Amino acid sequence: MSKTIQVNLGKITHKSFGKENPLDVIYDGLKGNVAVSSESFLYHFKKVDLLEIADSRAIYGELYKSKLSSKHDVLVDKETLTYDPEIIDELFAVSKFVVFSDLSIAFTSASILI
């Protein structure tokens, strides 16, 4: 059984990165504990690395998307039927991406498979 993975393409069209190399600026912005959230989701980058590829460089990484949930009552003791509130933030999807030195981007369709 085979699985099809869709790859999307894009291009960064920022006009100026100052005197710095654009790939270095993007890499510095993606590495470490970088997270962005919306009302329902948290997005963060993992496994971000700068790769040397045949006289060129590229950034590889994974974008994690977690669904932010409200409090749920969770059964903590079956004998006393005690419930405690718990917030469940579950992994929703993972996309892999590559940013090439010409600032073009390729990223996979969202997938839970890591």
Protein backbone atom coordinates (compact mmCIF):
# COMPACT_ATOMS: atom_id res chain seq x y z
CA MET A 1 0.00 0.00 0.00
CA SER A 2 1.48 3.35 -1.00
CA LYS A 3 0.78 6.80 0.37
CA THR A 4 0.71 9.91 -1.78
CA ILE A 5 2.27 13.05 -0.33
CA GLN A 6 1.36 16.37 -1.89
CA VAL A 7 4.15 18.93 -2.18
CA ASN A 8 3.30 22.62 -2.38
CA LEU A 9 5.66 25.26 -3.79
CA GLY A 10 6.09 28.90 -2.90
CA LYS A 11 8.61 31.75 -2.92
CA ILE A 12 9.62 34.31 -0.30
CA THR A 13 9.37 37.75 -1.90
CA HIS A 14 10.69 39.95 0.93
CA LYS A 15 12.39 42.98 -0.63
CA SER A 16 15.34 43.50 1.74
CA PHE A 17 17.29 41.52 4.30
CA GLY A 18 19.81 44.31 4.80
CA LYS A 19 23.43 43.28 4.34
CA GLU A 20 22.81 39.80 5.76
CA ASN A 21 22.32 36.67 3.70
CA PRO A 22 18.54 36.05 3.43
CA LEU A 23 18.89 32.33 4.21
CA ASP A 24 20.78 33.14 7.43
CA VAL A 25 18.07 35.61 8.51
CA ILE A 26 15.32 33.05 7.87
CA TYR A 27 17.28 30.27 9.62
CA ASP A 28 17.89 32.43 12.70
CA GLY A 29 14.16 33.19 12.83
CA LEU A 30 13.11 29.53 12.64
CA LYS A 31 15.59 27.82 14.96
CA GLY A 32 15.03 27.56 18.70
CA ASN A 33 11.72 27.72 20.49
CA VAL A 34 9.63 29.71 18.03
CA ALA A 35 5.87 29.43 18.36
CA VAL A 36 2.94 31.34 16.88
CA SER A 37 -0.65 30.83 17.95
CA SER A 38 -4.09 31.63 16.68
CA GLU A 39 -7.33 31.29 18.62
CA SER A 40 -7.53 27.54 17.93
CA PHE A 41 -4.03 26.38 16.94
CA LEU A 42 -0.38 26.59 18.02
CA TYR A 43 2.29 26.41 15.31
CA HIS A 44 5.96 25.73 16.01
CA PHE A 45 9.07 24.60 14.18
CA LYS A 46 11.18 21.55 15.03
CA LYS A 47 14.24 19.85 13.57
CA VAL A 48 15.25 23.03 11.71
CA ASP A 49 18.72 22.68 10.22
CA LEU A 50 20.90 24.47 7.68
CA LEU A 51 22.11 22.03 5.01
CA GLU A 52 24.96 22.27 2.52
CA ILE A 53 23.80 20.96 -0.87
CA ALA A 54 26.14 20.92 -3.91
CA ASP A 55 27.61 24.45 -3.70
CA SER A 56 24.38 25.76 -2.22
CA ARG A 57 22.55 25.83 1.08
CA ALA A 58 18.99 25.09 2.18
CA ILE A 59 16.95 25.09 5.37
CA TYR A 60 15.08 21.90 6.27
CA GLY A 61 12.56 21.54 9.07
CA GLU A 62 9.15 20.49 10.28
CA LEU A 63 6.14 22.66 11.10
CA TYR A 64 3.96 21.25 13.89
CA LYS A 65 0.33 22.30 14.26
CA SER A 66 -1.41 21.55 17.57
CA LYS A 67 -5.09 22.02 18.23
CA LEU A 68 -5.67 24.09 21.36
CA SER A 69 -8.60 22.70 23.33
CA SER A 70 -10.62 24.03 26.19
CA LYS A 71 -10.84 22.32 29.58
CA HIS A 72 -12.32 18.82 29.65
CA ASP A 73 -13.36 16.84 32.70
CA VAL A 74 -11.19 13.75 32.94
CA LEU A 75 -11.99 10.75 35.15
CA VAL A 76 -9.08 10.43 37.59
CA ASP A 77 -10.49 7.91 40.09
CA LYS A 78 -12.89 5.15 39.02
CA GLU A 79 -13.75 4.15 42.60
CA THR A 80 -14.81 7.58 43.80
CA LEU A 81 -15.88 8.77 40.34
CA THR A 82 -13.73 11.88 40.74
CA TYR A 83 -13.22 14.15 37.75
CA ASP A 84 -10.59 16.85 37.38
CA PRO A 85 -10.42 19.50 34.66
CA GLU A 86 -7.62 19.03 32.12
CA ILE A 87 -6.60 20.94 29.03
CA ILE A 88 -5.81 18.66 26.11
CA ASP A 89 -3.65 20.23 23.40
CA GLU A 90 -3.33 17.55 20.75
CA LEU A 91 -0.96 17.26 17.79
CA PHE A 92 -3.04 18.01 14.71
CA ALA A 93 -0.58 17.85 11.79
CA VAL A 94 3.07 17.95 10.77
CA SER A 95 4.40 19.39 7.51
CA LYS A 96 8.01 19.13 6.32
CA PHE A 97 9.60 22.00 4.43
CA VAL A 98 12.74 23.09 2.59
CA VAL A 99 13.72 26.72 1.92
CA PHE A 100 16.29 26.88 -0.91
CA SER A 101 18.96 29.57 -1.38
CA ASP A 102 16.89 31.28 -4.11
CA LEU A 103 14.16 31.60 -1.40
CA SER A 104 11.82 29.13 -3.07
CA ILE A 105 9.98 26.85 -0.64
CA ALA A 106 8.71 23.29 -0.94
CA PHE A 107 6.51 21.87 1.81
CA THR A 108 4.54 18.67 2.18
CA SER A 109 0.86 18.38 2.78
CA ALA A 110 -0.10 18.12 6.44
CA SER A 111 0.46 14.68 7.87
CA ILE A 112 0.44 13.18 11.33
CA LEU A 113 3.14 10.71 10.27
CA ILE A 114 6.54 11.92 11.41
